[in-house]
Structure formats: structure tokens, C-alpha cells
Amino acid sequence: MPVVQPSPRRLRTVALIGIDGSGKTTQARLLAAELSRSGLPATYHQNAGGRRWFGRLAERFGRDDAQDLLGRRLMLLVESVLRWLAIARALLRRVRSGDVAVMDRYAACQYASLRARGRGRAGERLARVAYSVFPRPDVTFLLAVRPEVAWQRVETRGYDHEDLGDLRAADAAYRDLPEHAHVVVVDANGTLDEVAAAIRGHLAAYLPAAQPLPRQRPAVSGVLAAPALADYASAVTPLAQAAA
């Protein structure tokens, strides 16, 4: 009687959260590709809040950043709405496609942003009511990185800027969220490969069992072929003579 292997747990949504410069986007893209190669079709979703786009717009108008352009309260409102719409679209696409949704940012990112930028608990409470329609991801990874390391990464990539004080406030906000009790904290101070390996290790229970590679037929060398051909000839020759 064949042995039935236990099936892996079903994975539907994975979220990566963390401060700017923690590597969310890079790791989310890598994870989506890795899951697909492992037999779990996955799609990457960037749930941005528009801060980078408004930051570029601010430069055209001679402003420092998105907050300087729109004001703190309006920027946080716009960010909350745009991120809500992005997550809703990603979840709808997941339902239609059946793929695993790999979320680059999720609801907790907005809660942390509201806390770090001083909007107050009233703004966070309103955001939590709006975002409560979204299910909790099967796994949420918090990419924990030192603010100083994150700041250096942001400066190195060159297309935007972050204040070190804001990064420290965001780091503290993530750690203070009630969601922190349900996340998998990954040390994101290491190399790209080290962080990716840590993430894959935590998802092992969801991955299908590795399938053995098809067995390759060994190449027949001339030394091995000669005896085989001799045997074949000795068997066929009498039949040919009889037929003649």
C-alpha cells in the first residue's frame, strides 16, 4: 500500500513589511520568482502609497518632498487611500488568478507610517477600520534593519531620500504595533542572499515536496558500445541467414 505524504499547507498571501531601505521590494520580487520555480505560481504586488510619485512631482514645483508639497495631513490621507486601493486590487487579482500574492507592503505599513509621522491614534483608528476588510496574510515578514543601514541603502540607490530621524521613528513604530506579535522578524542587515535564504526557510512548510529530477540515460561510450553491438549482430545474423 503506497504511503500518502502529507500535503503542504496552502499559501495564499505573503506580505513583506519594514522601514524604507529594508529591502522589501527586492526580496518580494525574489520570493515571487522562487515560489513559482518551486511549483507555487506567485505574483508580485507593489502596494505603494504614492509618496515617491508625489516626491518627484514636488521636485518639479521646487518643493523638498511629497509632504512639503501636500502637507503632512493630506499626504497621509492620500497615502492611506492609495495603499488601500492597491491592496484591494492585489487581492482581487489573487482571487481571479489563484496565484500566491506576494505583497510588497501591507496594512501594517500604513499603521506604522501614521504613527511615525505623528498623525495620532485617531488617524490610525480610522485606517484600521478601513483596512479591516483585508484578511491577515498567511505569513508576514518584518524585515528588521538598523535605521543607519537603511538610510545608507536609500542614499545609495539615489532616486529618493529619507531622514534618519524618520527612519528611526518608523522602526520604533513597527516594533510597537500589535501586529508585531504575529510577524516573522527577519534580520535584514545581512546580504541579499542571506535574507532571501531566511525567508525561504520560514516558508518550507508551504512548499510542495521536492520532485526527483528525471533520470538521465547514461551516454554510451565506444568501449561499452562494442560488446553490445557484437551481441546484437550474433543474434540477428542467424535470422538473416534463415530468411535467405
C-alpha atoms as a PDB file:
ATOM      1  CA  MET A   1       0.000   0.000   0.000  1.00  0.00           C
ATOM      2  CA  PRO A   2       1.551   3.344  -1.019  1.00  0.00           C
ATOM      3  CA  VAL A   3       2.460   5.800   1.703  1.00  0.00           C
ATOM      4  CA  VAL A   4       0.462   9.033   1.455  1.00  0.00           C
ATOM      5  CA  GLN A   5       2.659  12.065   2.051  1.00  0.00           C
ATOM      6  CA  PRO A   6       1.060  14.935   3.981  1.00  0.00           C
ATOM      7  CA  SER A   7       0.217  17.809   1.662  1.00  0.00           C
ATOM      8  CA  PRO A   8       1.842  21.185   2.352  1.00  0.00           C
ATOM      9  CA  ARG A   9      -0.199  23.935   3.965  1.00  0.00           C
ATOM     10  CA  ARG A  10      -1.885  26.158   1.424  1.00  0.00           C
ATOM     11  CA  LEU A  11      -0.231  29.513   0.881  1.00  0.00           C
ATOM     12  CA  ARG A  12      -2.289  32.374  -0.458  1.00  0.00           C
ATOM     13  CA  THR A  13      -0.749  35.635   0.699  1.00  0.00           C
ATOM     14  CA  VAL A  14       2.724  36.610   1.890  1.00  0.00           C
ATOM     15  CA  ALA A  15       3.474  40.170   2.990  1.00  0.00           C
ATOM     16  CA  LEU A  16       6.823  41.867   3.456  1.00  0.00           C
ATOM     17  CA  ILE A  17       6.876  44.948   5.643  1.00  0.00           C
ATOM     18  CA  GLY A  18       9.543  47.171   7.146  1.00  0.00           C
ATOM     19  CA  ILE A  19      11.063  50.616   7.012  1.00  0.00           C
ATOM     20  CA  ASP A  20      12.251  52.204   3.797  1.00  0.00           C
ATOM     21  CA  GLY A  21      15.583  50.686   2.824  1.00  0.00           C
ATOM     22  CA  SER A  22      14.919  47.336   4.482  1.00  0.00           C
ATOM     23  CA  GLY A  23      14.812  45.520   1.128  1.00  0.00           C
ATOM     24  CA  LYS A  24      11.081  44.819   0.844  1.00  0.00           C
ATOM     25  CA  THR A  25      10.793  45.331  -2.902  1.00  0.00           C
ATOM     26  CA  THR A  26      13.897  43.343  -3.798  1.00  0.00           C
ATOM     27  CA  GLN A  27      13.028  40.426  -1.529  1.00  0.00           C
ATOM     28  CA  ALA A  28       9.372  40.365  -2.587  1.00  0.00           C
ATOM     29  CA  ARG A  29      10.346  40.106  -6.253  1.00  0.00           C
ATOM     30  CA  LEU A  30      12.849  37.361  -5.496  1.00  0.00           C
ATOM     31  CA  LEU A  31      10.315  35.473  -3.391  1.00  0.00           C
ATOM     32  CA  ALA A  32       7.629  35.563  -6.092  1.00  0.00           C
ATOM     33  CA  ALA A  33      10.090  34.131  -8.608  1.00  0.00           C
ATOM     34  CA  GLU A  34      11.323  31.477  -6.152  1.00  0.00           C
ATOM     35  CA  LEU A  35       7.822  30.311  -5.267  1.00  0.00           C
ATOM     36  CA  SER A  36       6.936  29.988  -8.945  1.00  0.00           C
ATOM     37  CA  ARG A  37      10.038  27.898  -9.580  1.00  0.00           C
ATOM     38  CA  SER A  38       9.091  25.701  -6.609  1.00  0.00           C
ATOM     39  CA  GLY A  39       5.703  24.839  -8.084  1.00  0.00           C
ATOM     40  CA  LEU A  40       3.601  27.563  -6.452  1.00  0.00           C
ATOM     41  CA  PRO A  41       2.667  30.182  -9.065  1.00  0.00           C
ATOM     42  CA  ALA A  42       3.129  33.564  -7.401  1.00  0.00           C
ATOM     43  CA  THR A  43       2.657  37.186  -8.400  1.00  0.00           C
ATOM     44  CA  TYR A  44       4.446  40.232  -7.046  1.00  0.00           C
ATOM     45  CA  HIS A  45       2.287  43.196  -5.965  1.00  0.00           C
ATOM     46  CA  GLN A  46       3.696  46.598  -5.063  1.00  0.00           C
ATOM     47  CA  ASN A  47       1.252  48.259  -2.683  1.00  0.00           C
ATOM     48  CA  ALA A  48       2.772  51.713  -2.775  1.00  0.00           C
ATOM     49  CA  GLY A  49       1.121  54.748  -1.248  1.00  0.00           C
ATOM     50  CA  GLY A  50       2.251  57.253  -3.865  1.00  0.00           C
ATOM     51  CA  ARG A  51       4.833  59.016  -1.710  1.00  0.00           C
ATOM     52  CA  ARG A  52       7.614  58.508  -4.283  1.00  0.00           C
ATOM     53  CA  TRP A  53       5.455  59.745  -7.177  1.00  0.00           C
ATOM     54  CA  PHE A  54       4.399  62.830  -5.267  1.00  0.00           C
ATOM     55  CA  GLY A  55       8.022  63.327  -4.259  1.00  0.00           C
ATOM     56  CA  ARG A  56       9.006  63.580  -7.929  1.00  0.00           C
ATOM     57  CA  LEU A  57       6.118  65.950  -8.524  1.00  0.00           C
ATOM     58  CA  ALA A  58       7.296  68.050  -5.589  1.00  0.00           C
ATOM     59  CA  GLU A  59      10.731  68.426  -7.189  1.00  0.00           C
ATOM     60  CA  ARG A  60       9.145  69.909 -10.296  1.00  0.00           C
ATOM     61  CA  PHE A  61       7.476  72.539  -8.154  1.00  0.00           C
ATOM     62  CA  GLY A  62      10.626  73.267  -6.209  1.00  0.00           C
ATOM     63  CA  ARG A  63       9.458  71.538  -3.017  1.00  0.00           C
ATOM     64  CA  ASP A  64      11.547  69.283  -0.789  1.00  0.00           C
ATOM     65  CA  ASP A  65       9.322  66.196  -0.838  1.00  0.00           C
ATOM     66  CA  ALA A  66       5.748  64.922  -1.028  1.00  0.00           C
ATOM     67  CA  GLN A  67       4.931  66.111   2.476  1.00  0.00           C
ATOM     68  CA  ASP A  68       6.232  69.577   1.680  1.00  0.00           C
ATOM     69  CA  LEU A  69       4.012  69.619  -1.421  1.00  0.00           C
ATOM     70  CA  LEU A  70       0.749  68.377   0.085  1.00  0.00           C
ATOM     71  CA  GLY A  71       1.221  68.920   3.791  1.00  0.00           C
ATOM     72  CA  ARG A  72       1.561  66.214   6.413  1.00  0.00           C
ATOM     73  CA  ARG A  73      -2.143  65.523   6.992  1.00  0.00           C
ATOM     74  CA  LEU A  74      -3.139  65.454   3.322  1.00  0.00           C
ATOM     75  CA  MET A  75      -0.157  63.299   2.324  1.00  0.00           C
ATOM     76  CA  LEU A  76      -1.022  60.715   4.956  1.00  0.00           C
ATOM     77  CA  LEU A  77      -4.644  60.690   3.797  1.00  0.00           C
ATOM     78  CA  VAL A  78      -3.665  60.282   0.148  1.00  0.00           C
ATOM     79  CA  GLU A  79      -1.158  57.580   1.069  1.00  0.00           C
ATOM     80  CA  SER A  80      -3.767  55.672   3.093  1.00  0.00           C
ATOM     81  CA  VAL A  81      -6.306  55.771   0.246  1.00  0.00           C
ATOM     82  CA  LEU A  82      -3.850  54.791  -2.488  1.00  0.00           C
ATOM     83  CA  ARG A  83      -2.412  51.901  -0.463  1.00  0.00           C
ATOM     84  CA  TRP A  84      -5.921  50.646   0.356  1.00  0.00           C
ATOM     85  CA  LEU A  85      -6.788  50.650  -3.344  1.00  0.00           C
ATOM     86  CA  ALA A  86      -3.540  48.879  -4.245  1.00  0.00           C
ATOM     87  CA  ILE A  87      -4.091  46.105  -1.691  1.00  0.00           C
ATOM     88  CA  ALA A  88      -7.719  45.663  -2.759  1.00  0.00           C
ATOM     89  CA  ARG A  89      -6.664  45.323  -6.400  1.00  0.00           C
ATOM     90  CA  ALA A  90      -3.932  42.835  -5.496  1.00  0.00           C
ATOM     91  CA  LEU A  91      -6.345  40.647  -3.524  1.00  0.00           C
ATOM     92  CA  LEU A  92      -8.902  40.692  -6.338  1.00  0.00           C
ATOM     93  CA  ARG A  93      -6.227  39.628  -8.799  1.00  0.00           C
ATOM     94  CA  ARG A  94      -5.225  36.834  -6.449  1.00  0.00           C
ATOM     95  CA  VAL A  95      -8.797  35.532  -6.400  1.00  0.00           C
ATOM     96  CA  ARG A  96      -9.015  35.583 -10.198  1.00  0.00           C
ATOM     97  CA  SER A  97      -5.620  34.042 -10.898  1.00  0.00           C
ATOM     98  CA  GLY A  98      -5.280  31.662  -7.963  1.00  0.00           C
ATOM     99  CA  ASP A  99      -1.620  32.650  -7.658  1.00  0.00           C
ATOM    100  CA  VAL A 100       0.093  33.292  -4.355  1.00  0.00           C
ATOM    101  CA  ALA A 101       0.079  37.041  -3.756  1.00  0.00           C
ATOM    102  CA  VAL A 102       3.462  38.349  -2.617  1.00  0.00           C
ATOM    103  CA  MET A 103       2.727  41.743  -1.114  1.00  0.00           C
ATOM    104  CA  ASP A 104       5.372  44.443  -1.099  1.00  0.00           C
ATOM    105  CA  ARG A 105       3.885  46.362   1.869  1.00  0.00           C
ATOM    106  CA  TYR A 106       0.555  45.693   3.562  1.00  0.00           C
ATOM    107  CA  ALA A 107      -1.825  47.290   6.068  1.00  0.00           C
ATOM    108  CA  ALA A 108       0.727  47.341   8.898  1.00  0.00           C
ATOM    109  CA  CYS A 109       2.919  49.631   6.795  1.00  0.00           C
ATOM    110  CA  GLN A 110       0.199  52.271   6.852  1.00  0.00           C
ATOM    111  CA  TYR A 111      -0.329  51.963  10.585  1.00  0.00           C
ATOM    112  CA  ALA A 112       3.401  52.391  11.159  1.00  0.00           C
ATOM    113  CA  SER A 113       3.523  55.364   8.796  1.00  0.00           C
ATOM    114  CA  LEU A 114       0.707  57.082  10.662  1.00  0.00           C
ATOM    115  CA  ARG A 115       2.437  56.509  13.994  1.00  0.00           C
ATOM    116  CA  ALA A 116       5.876  57.526  12.819  1.00  0.00           C
ATOM    117  CA  ARG A 117       4.700  60.733  11.170  1.00  0.00           C
ATOM    118  CA  GLY A 118       2.727  61.876  14.174  1.00  0.00           C
ATOM    119  CA  ARG A 119      -0.794  61.669  12.806  1.00  0.00           C
ATOM    120  CA  GLY A 120      -2.086  60.463  16.175  1.00  0.00           C
ATOM    121  CA  ARG A 121      -4.038  57.410  17.210  1.00  0.00           C
ATOM    122  CA  ALA A 122      -7.284  58.846  15.804  1.00  0.00           C
ATOM    123  CA  GLY A 123      -5.916  58.629  12.273  1.00  0.00           C
ATOM    124  CA  GLU A 124      -4.672  55.106  12.913  1.00  0.00           C
ATOM    125  CA  ARG A 125      -8.056  54.036  14.250  1.00  0.00           C
ATOM    126  CA  LEU A 126      -9.771  55.284  11.083  1.00  0.00           C
ATOM    127  CA  ALA A 127      -7.204  53.480   8.951  1.00  0.00           C
ATOM    128  CA  ARG A 128      -7.726  50.264  10.891  1.00  0.00           C
ATOM    129  CA  VAL A 129     -11.474  50.433  10.272  1.00  0.00           C
ATOM    130  CA  ALA A 130     -10.895  50.879   6.534  1.00  0.00           C
ATOM    131  CA  TYR A 131      -8.195  48.208   6.285  1.00  0.00           C
ATOM    132  CA  SER A 132     -10.083  45.690   8.437  1.00  0.00           C
ATOM    133  CA  VAL A 133     -11.793  44.327   5.315  1.00  0.00           C
ATOM    134  CA  PHE A 134      -8.474  42.779   4.251  1.00  0.00           C
ATOM    135  CA  PRO A 135      -7.548  39.304   5.535  1.00  0.00           C
ATOM    136  CA  ARG A 136      -4.396  38.774   7.529  1.00  0.00           C
ATOM    137  CA  PRO A 137      -1.654  37.333   5.293  1.00  0.00           C
ATOM    138  CA  ASP A 138      -0.696  33.712   5.846  1.00  0.00           C
ATOM    139  CA  VAL A 139       2.814  34.919   6.631  1.00  0.00           C
ATOM    140  CA  THR A 140       4.056  38.436   7.269  1.00  0.00           C
ATOM    141  CA  PHE A 141       7.787  39.079   7.271  1.00  0.00           C
ATOM    142  CA  LEU A 142       9.117  42.130   9.079  1.00  0.00           C
ATOM    143  CA  LEU A 143      12.483  42.924   7.550  1.00  0.00           C
ATOM    144  CA  ALA A 144      14.275  44.344  10.578  1.00  0.00           C
ATOM    145  CA  VAL A 145      17.220  46.536   9.664  1.00  0.00           C
ATOM    146  CA  ARG A 146      19.154  49.149  11.600  1.00  0.00           C
ATOM    147  CA  PRO A 147      17.955  52.631  10.584  1.00  0.00           C
ATOM    148  CA  GLU A 148      21.539  53.654   9.836  1.00  0.00           C
ATOM    149  CA  VAL A 149      21.918  50.750   7.394  1.00  0.00           C
ATOM    150  CA  ALA A 150      18.553  51.540   5.785  1.00  0.00           C
ATOM    151  CA  TRP A 151      19.497  55.203   5.405  1.00  0.00           C
ATOM    152  CA  GLN A 152      22.720  54.278   3.643  1.00  0.00           C
ATOM    153  CA  ARG A 153      20.849  51.988   1.255  1.00  0.00           C
ATOM    154  CA  VAL A 154      18.354  54.716   0.392  1.00  0.00           C
ATOM    155  CA  GLU A 155      21.160  57.173  -0.281  1.00  0.00           C
ATOM    156  CA  THR A 156      22.987  54.629  -2.427  1.00  0.00           C
ATOM    157  CA  ARG A 157      20.014  53.884  -4.681  1.00  0.00           C
ATOM    158  CA  GLY A 158      19.809  57.610  -5.326  1.00  0.00           C
ATOM    159  CA  TYR A 159      16.257  58.194  -6.552  1.00  0.00           C
ATOM    160  CA  ASP A 160      14.826  59.385  -3.218  1.00  0.00           C
ATOM    161  CA  HIS A 161      15.905  60.449   0.239  1.00  0.00           C
ATOM    162  CA  GLU A 162      14.943  59.666   3.820  1.00  0.00           C
ATOM    163  CA  ASP A 163      15.669  61.489   7.045  1.00  0.00           C
ATOM    164  CA  LEU A 164      17.481  59.281   9.545  1.00  0.00           C
ATOM    165  CA  GLY A 165      15.198  60.516  12.311  1.00  0.00           C
ATOM    166  CA  ASP A 166      12.125  59.470  10.317  1.00  0.00           C
ATOM    167  CA  LEU A 167      13.593  56.018   9.769  1.00  0.00           C
ATOM    168  CA  ARG A 168      14.236  55.639  13.483  1.00  0.00           C
ATOM    169  CA  ALA A 169      10.667  56.699  14.242  1.00  0.00           C
ATOM    170  CA  ALA A 170       9.310  54.212  11.692  1.00  0.00           C
ATOM    171  CA  ASP A 171      11.469  51.429  13.131  1.00  0.00           C
ATOM    172  CA  ALA A 172      10.084  52.122  16.609  1.00  0.00           C
ATOM    173  CA  ALA A 173       6.532  52.290  15.232  1.00  0.00           C
ATOM    174  CA  TYR A 174       6.771  48.853  13.608  1.00  0.00           C
ATOM    175  CA  ARG A 175       8.032  47.310  16.821  1.00  0.00           C
ATOM    176  CA  ASP A 176       5.210  48.921  18.798  1.00  0.00           C
ATOM    177  CA  LEU A 177       2.369  47.740  16.571  1.00  0.00           C
ATOM    178  CA  PRO A 178       0.097  44.982  17.940  1.00  0.00           C
ATOM    179  CA  GLU A 179       0.737  43.155  14.651  1.00  0.00           C
ATOM    180  CA  HIS A 180       4.335  42.699  15.742  1.00  0.00           C
ATOM    181  CA  ALA A 181       3.255  39.666  17.788  1.00  0.00           C
ATOM    182  CA  HIS A 182       2.137  37.881  14.602  1.00  0.00           C
ATOM    183  CA  VAL A 183       5.023  38.623  12.242  1.00  0.00           C
ATOM    184  CA  VAL A 184       8.170  36.700  11.414  1.00  0.00           C
ATOM    185  CA  VAL A 185      11.079  39.007  12.148  1.00  0.00           C
ATOM    186  CA  VAL A 186      13.932  38.559   9.679  1.00  0.00           C
ATOM    187  CA  ASP A 187      17.327  40.148  10.222  1.00  0.00           C
ATOM    188  CA  ALA A 188      17.655  42.239   7.061  1.00  0.00           C
ATOM    189  CA  ASN A 189      21.083  43.670   7.876  1.00  0.00           C
ATOM    190  CA  GLY A 190      22.818  40.842   6.018  1.00  0.00           C
ATOM    191  CA  THR A 191      23.410  40.240   2.350  1.00  0.00           C
ATOM    192  CA  LEU A 192      20.636  39.827  -0.177  1.00  0.00           C
ATOM    193  CA  ASP A 193      21.206  36.054  -0.337  1.00  0.00           C
ATOM    194  CA  GLU A 194      21.252  35.678   3.444  1.00  0.00           C
ATOM    195  CA  VAL A 195      17.930  37.463   3.841  1.00  0.00           C
ATOM    196  CA  ALA A 196      16.358  35.523   0.960  1.00  0.00           C
ATOM    197  CA  ALA A 197      17.502  32.221   2.495  1.00  0.00           C
ATOM    198  CA  ALA A 198      15.972  33.142   5.860  1.00  0.00           C
ATOM    199  CA  ILE A 199      12.644  33.939   4.207  1.00  0.00           C
ATOM    200  CA  ARG A 200      12.626  30.684   2.230  1.00  0.00           C
ATOM    201  CA  GLY A 201      13.423  28.720   5.360  1.00  0.00           C
ATOM    202  CA  HIS A 202      10.327  30.028   7.123  1.00  0.00           C
ATOM    203  CA  LEU A 203       8.147  29.076   4.140  1.00  0.00           C
ATOM    204  CA  ALA A 204       9.365  25.476   3.912  1.00  0.00           C
ATOM    205  CA  ALA A 205       6.114  24.102   5.374  1.00  0.00           C
ATOM    206  CA  TYR A 206       4.163  25.608   2.486  1.00  0.00           C
ATOM    207  CA  LEU A 207       6.325  24.363  -0.357  1.00  0.00           C
ATOM    208  CA  PRO A 208       5.443  21.167  -2.246  1.00  0.00           C
ATOM    209  CA  ALA A 209       7.732  18.213  -1.743  1.00  0.00           C
ATOM    210  CA  ALA A 210      10.722  18.313  -3.984  1.00  0.00           C
ATOM    211  CA  GLN A 211      10.246  16.159  -7.049  1.00  0.00           C
ATOM    212  CA  PRO A 212      13.185  13.983  -8.144  1.00  0.00           C
ATOM    213  CA  LEU A 213      14.772  15.022 -11.396  1.00  0.00           C
ATOM    214  CA  PRO A 214      14.119  12.729 -14.359  1.00  0.00           C
ATOM    215  CA  ARG A 215      16.770  10.052 -14.606  1.00  0.00           C
ATOM    216  CA  GLN A 216      19.194  10.717 -17.424  1.00  0.00           C
ATOM    217  CA  ARG A 217      20.061   7.837 -19.709  1.00  0.00           C
ATOM    218  CA  PRO A 218      23.804   7.318 -19.473  1.00  0.00           C
ATOM    219  CA  ALA A 219      25.796   8.157 -22.540  1.00  0.00           C
ATOM    220  CA  VAL A 220      27.136   5.037 -24.267  1.00  0.00           C
ATOM    221  CA  SER A 221      30.849   5.236 -24.848  1.00  0.00           C
ATOM    222  CA  GLY A 222      32.610   3.485 -27.659  1.00  0.00           C
ATOM    223  CA  VAL A 223      34.148   0.968 -25.221  1.00  0.00           C
ATOM    224  CA  LEU A 224      30.738  -0.048 -23.889  1.00  0.00           C
ATOM    225  CA  ALA A 225      29.058   0.028 -27.286  1.00  0.00           C
ATOM    226  CA  ALA A 226      31.311  -2.550 -28.939  1.00  0.00           C
ATOM    227  CA  PRO A 227      30.208  -5.566 -26.834  1.00  0.00           C
ATOM    228  CA  ALA A 228      26.585  -4.530 -27.162  1.00  0.00           C
ATOM    229  CA  LEU A 229      26.815  -4.313 -30.935  1.00  0.00           C
ATOM    230  CA  ALA A 230      28.589  -7.684 -31.081  1.00  0.00           C
ATOM    231  CA  ASP A 231      25.782  -9.340 -29.100  1.00  0.00           C
ATOM    232  CA  TYR A 232      23.187  -7.745 -31.362  1.00  0.00           C
ATOM    233  CA  ALA A 233      24.987  -8.949 -34.501  1.00  0.00           C
ATOM    234  CA  SER A 234      25.313 -12.514 -33.234  1.00  0.00           C
ATOM    235  CA  ALA A 235      21.580 -12.651 -32.560  1.00  0.00           C
ATOM    236  CA  VAL A 236      20.473 -11.148 -35.857  1.00  0.00           C
ATOM    237  CA  THR A 237      22.847 -12.954 -38.253  1.00  0.00           C
ATOM    238  CA  PRO A 238      21.252 -16.468 -37.930  1.00  0.00           C
ATOM    239  CA  LEU A 239      17.798 -14.981 -38.537  1.00  0.00           C
ATOM    240  CA  ALA A 240      19.005 -13.227 -41.647  1.00  0.00           C
ATOM    241  CA  GLN A 241      20.590 -16.429 -42.984  1.00  0.00           C
ATOM    242  CA  ALA A 242      17.386 -18.421 -42.327  1.00  0.00           C
ATOM    243  CA  ALA A 243      15.302 -15.864 -44.172  1.00  0.00           C
ATOM    244  CA  ALA A 244      17.654 -16.034 -47.140  1.00  0.00           C
END
